[in-house]
Amino acid sequence: MSAPVLVIDDSPTIRTLMRSALERAGYAVHEAIDGEDAYEQLDGRLLGLIVCDLAMPRMDGLSFLRLLRHHPRYRFTPVVLLSTETRPERKAAVKAAGAQAFLPKPCRPSDLVDAVQRLCQ
């Protein structure tokens, strides 16, 4: 079994959908309601990957990703960022901040699972 996936999204419905898809694919899932909550959960436990929404209150996905890349334990943890905003310059900013993948939101559960499987190998 692979390391757990951390799912970060302010929508309980979206978190539930992502959790369901990932658990059906065999992943253990932890959840956070925004970037601040997620950062507070980084306690040294192993994470295989992080799936993070871009637009969230308190701390958005880009700010979280930038902080994550400075955390000694999680600086190389793969990140998939999700967003309804798909302009090329936004995607470029996400990649520049260190995300390994960008998925448009809403995304199909199969697309999410495919991205996670590809990055968790």
C-alpha atoms as a PDB file:
ATOM      1  CA  MET A   1       0.000   0.000   0.000  1.00  0.00           C
ATOM      2  CA  SER A   2       1.255   3.452  -0.854  1.00  0.00           C
ATOM      3  CA  ALA A   3       1.594   6.388   1.508  1.00  0.00           C
ATOM      4  CA  PRO A   4      -1.572   8.380   2.294  1.00  0.00           C
ATOM      5  CA  VAL A   5      -2.861  11.214   0.141  1.00  0.00           C
ATOM      6  CA  LEU A   6      -3.764  14.573   1.701  1.00  0.00           C
ATOM      7  CA  VAL A   7      -6.812  16.176   0.066  1.00  0.00           C
ATOM      8  CA  ILE A   8      -7.224  19.928   0.633  1.00  0.00           C
ATOM      9  CA  ASP A   9     -10.449  21.656  -0.415  1.00  0.00           C
ATOM     10  CA  ASP A  10     -12.853  24.034   1.309  1.00  0.00           C
ATOM     11  CA  SER A  11     -15.866  22.213  -0.171  1.00  0.00           C
ATOM     12  CA  PRO A  12     -16.963  19.219   1.934  1.00  0.00           C
ATOM     13  CA  THR A  13     -18.708  17.783  -1.142  1.00  0.00           C
ATOM     14  CA  ILE A  14     -15.560  17.928  -3.276  1.00  0.00           C
ATOM     15  CA  ARG A  15     -13.463  16.432  -0.454  1.00  0.00           C
ATOM     16  CA  THR A  16     -15.947  13.573  -0.135  1.00  0.00           C
ATOM     17  CA  LEU A  17     -15.905  12.912  -3.892  1.00  0.00           C
ATOM     18  CA  MET A  18     -12.101  12.913  -3.990  1.00  0.00           C
ATOM     19  CA  ARG A  19     -11.859  10.725  -0.880  1.00  0.00           C
ATOM     20  CA  SER A  20     -14.288   8.221  -2.391  1.00  0.00           C
ATOM     21  CA  ALA A  21     -12.451   7.990  -5.710  1.00  0.00           C
ATOM     22  CA  LEU A  22      -9.041   7.667  -4.065  1.00  0.00           C
ATOM     23  CA  GLU A  23     -10.158   5.127  -1.452  1.00  0.00           C
ATOM     24  CA  ARG A  24     -11.756   2.986  -4.188  1.00  0.00           C
ATOM     25  CA  ALA A  25      -8.344   3.051  -5.891  1.00  0.00           C
ATOM     26  CA  GLY A  26      -6.708   1.793  -2.681  1.00  0.00           C
ATOM     27  CA  TYR A  27      -5.339   5.019  -1.163  1.00  0.00           C
ATOM     28  CA  ALA A  28      -5.672   6.105   2.445  1.00  0.00           C
ATOM     29  CA  VAL A  29      -6.854   9.721   2.542  1.00  0.00           C
ATOM     30  CA  HIS A  30      -6.425  12.561   5.036  1.00  0.00           C
ATOM     31  CA  GLU A  31      -8.431  15.776   4.636  1.00  0.00           C
ATOM     32  CA  ALA A  32      -7.916  19.477   5.286  1.00  0.00           C
ATOM     33  CA  ILE A  33     -10.373  22.339   4.799  1.00  0.00           C
ATOM     34  CA  ASP A  34      -7.857  24.894   3.488  1.00  0.00           C
ATOM     35  CA  GLY A  35      -4.144  25.573   3.208  1.00  0.00           C
ATOM     36  CA  GLU A  36      -3.809  26.742   6.796  1.00  0.00           C
ATOM     37  CA  ASP A  37      -5.480  23.613   8.150  1.00  0.00           C
ATOM     38  CA  ALA A  38      -3.301  21.455   5.886  1.00  0.00           C
ATOM     39  CA  TYR A  39      -0.085  23.161   6.934  1.00  0.00           C
ATOM     40  CA  GLU A  40      -0.982  22.654  10.592  1.00  0.00           C
ATOM     41  CA  GLN A  41      -1.394  18.918   9.860  1.00  0.00           C
ATOM     42  CA  LEU A  42       2.145  18.534   8.511  1.00  0.00           C
ATOM     43  CA  ASP A  43       3.455  16.696  11.543  1.00  0.00           C
ATOM     44  CA  GLY A  44       6.177  14.615   9.914  1.00  0.00           C
ATOM     45  CA  ARG A  45       4.008  11.650   8.897  1.00  0.00           C
ATOM     46  CA  LEU A  46       4.657  10.230   5.479  1.00  0.00           C
ATOM     47  CA  LEU A  47       2.474  11.555   2.662  1.00  0.00           C
ATOM     48  CA  GLY A  48       2.610  10.071  -0.816  1.00  0.00           C
ATOM     49  CA  LEU A  49       0.950  13.022  -2.509  1.00  0.00           C
ATOM     50  CA  ILE A  50      -1.135  16.129  -1.890  1.00  0.00           C
ATOM     51  CA  VAL A  51      -4.212  17.127  -3.901  1.00  0.00           C
ATOM     52  CA  CYS A  52      -4.993  20.797  -3.342  1.00  0.00           C
ATOM     53  CA  ASP A  53      -7.629  23.257  -4.517  1.00  0.00           C
ATOM     54  CA  LEU A  54      -6.325  26.619  -5.686  1.00  0.00           C
ATOM     55  CA  ALA A  55      -9.066  28.954  -4.397  1.00  0.00           C
ATOM     56  CA  MET A  56      -9.663  28.569  -0.649  1.00  0.00           C
ATOM     57  CA  PRO A  57     -10.199  30.897   2.313  1.00  0.00           C
ATOM     58  CA  ARG A  58      -7.526  31.668   4.918  1.00  0.00           C
ATOM     59  CA  MET A  59      -4.680  30.196   2.810  1.00  0.00           C
ATOM     60  CA  ASP A  60      -5.077  29.446  -0.893  1.00  0.00           C
ATOM     61  CA  GLY A  61      -3.449  26.563  -2.714  1.00  0.00           C
ATOM     62  CA  LEU A  62      -0.618  28.589  -4.223  1.00  0.00           C
ATOM     63  CA  SER A  63       0.386  30.039  -0.847  1.00  0.00           C
ATOM     64  CA  PHE A  64       0.222  26.564   0.697  1.00  0.00           C
ATOM     65  CA  LEU A  65       2.370  25.126  -2.093  1.00  0.00           C
ATOM     66  CA  ARG A  66       5.004  27.817  -1.653  1.00  0.00           C
ATOM     67  CA  LEU A  67       5.180  27.113   2.098  1.00  0.00           C
ATOM     68  CA  LEU A  68       5.251  23.371   1.482  1.00  0.00           C
ATOM     69  CA  ARG A  69       8.299  23.674  -0.775  1.00  0.00           C
ATOM     70  CA  HIS A  70      10.230  25.192   2.162  1.00  0.00           C
ATOM     71  CA  HIS A  71       9.220  22.469   4.635  1.00  0.00           C
ATOM     72  CA  PRO A  72      12.163  20.054   5.088  1.00  0.00           C
ATOM     73  CA  ARG A  73       9.976  16.925   5.312  1.00  0.00           C
ATOM     74  CA  TYR A  74       7.552  17.747   2.478  1.00  0.00           C
ATOM     75  CA  ARG A  75       9.542  19.838   0.010  1.00  0.00           C
ATOM     76  CA  PHE A  76       9.601  16.990  -2.543  1.00  0.00           C
ATOM     77  CA  THR A  77       6.084  15.636  -1.944  1.00  0.00           C
ATOM     78  CA  PRO A  78       4.201  15.589  -5.264  1.00  0.00           C
ATOM     79  CA  VAL A  79       1.290  18.020  -5.520  1.00  0.00           C
ATOM     80  CA  VAL A  80      -1.717  18.034  -7.841  1.00  0.00           C
ATOM     81  CA  LEU A  81      -3.423  21.425  -7.938  1.00  0.00           C
ATOM     82  CA  LEU A  82      -7.094  21.749  -8.919  1.00  0.00           C
ATOM     83  CA  SER A  83      -8.742  24.926 -10.148  1.00  0.00           C
ATOM     84  CA  THR A  84     -11.679  26.272 -12.098  1.00  0.00           C
ATOM     85  CA  GLU A  85      -9.252  28.897 -13.399  1.00  0.00           C
ATOM     86  CA  THR A  86      -7.449  27.341 -16.369  1.00  0.00           C
ATOM     87  CA  ARG A  87      -5.765  30.301 -18.069  1.00  0.00           C
ATOM     88  CA  PRO A  88      -2.254  29.449 -19.320  1.00  0.00           C
ATOM     89  CA  GLU A  89      -0.623  32.057 -17.050  1.00  0.00           C
ATOM     90  CA  ARG A  90      -2.347  30.540 -13.989  1.00  0.00           C
ATOM     91  CA  LYS A  91      -1.147  27.061 -14.959  1.00  0.00           C
ATOM     92  CA  ALA A  92       2.367  28.452 -15.419  1.00  0.00           C
ATOM     93  CA  ALA A  93       2.284  30.035 -11.938  1.00  0.00           C
ATOM     94  CA  VAL A  94       1.167  26.725 -10.431  1.00  0.00           C
ATOM     95  CA  LYS A  95       4.000  24.827 -12.154  1.00  0.00           C
ATOM     96  CA  ALA A  96       6.535  27.505 -11.172  1.00  0.00           C
ATOM     97  CA  ALA A  97       5.462  27.167  -7.530  1.00  0.00           C
ATOM     98  CA  GLY A  98       6.267  23.455  -7.651  1.00  0.00           C
ATOM     99  CA  ALA A  99       3.104  21.525  -8.533  1.00  0.00           C
ATOM    100  CA  GLN A 100       3.654  18.374 -10.565  1.00  0.00           C
ATOM    101  CA  ALA A 101       0.179  18.390 -12.130  1.00  0.00           C
ATOM    102  CA  PHE A 102      -2.740  20.714 -12.745  1.00  0.00           C
ATOM    103  CA  LEU A 103      -6.295  19.469 -13.197  1.00  0.00           C
ATOM    104  CA  PRO A 104      -9.270  21.622 -14.205  1.00  0.00           C
ATOM    105  CA  LYS A 105     -12.086  21.652 -11.688  1.00  0.00           C
ATOM    106  CA  PRO A 106     -14.456  19.933 -11.652  1.00  0.00           C
ATOM    107  CA  CYS A 107     -12.408  16.938 -12.709  1.00  0.00           C
ATOM    108  CA  ARG A 108     -13.593  13.440 -13.342  1.00  0.00           C
ATOM    109  CA  PRO A 109     -12.738  11.031 -10.525  1.00  0.00           C
ATOM    110  CA  SER A 110     -10.895   8.827 -13.033  1.00  0.00           C
ATOM    111  CA  ASP A 111      -8.681  11.777 -14.073  1.00  0.00           C
ATOM    112  CA  LEU A 112      -7.818  12.428 -10.429  1.00  0.00           C
ATOM    113  CA  VAL A 113      -6.979   8.778  -9.767  1.00  0.00           C
ATOM    114  CA  ASP A 114      -4.895   8.606 -12.963  1.00  0.00           C
ATOM    115  CA  ALA A 115      -2.864  11.675 -11.932  1.00  0.00           C
ATOM    116  CA  VAL A 116      -2.322  10.333  -8.409  1.00  0.00           C
ATOM    117  CA  GLN A 117      -1.277   6.893  -9.665  1.00  0.00           C
ATOM    118  CA  ARG A 118       1.125   8.425 -12.169  1.00  0.00           C
ATOM    119  CA  LEU A 119       2.798  10.603  -9.527  1.00  0.00           C
ATOM    120  CA  CYS A 120       2.862   8.008  -6.735  1.00  0.00           C
ATOM    121  CA  GLN A 121       4.883   5.452  -8.664  1.00  0.00           C
END
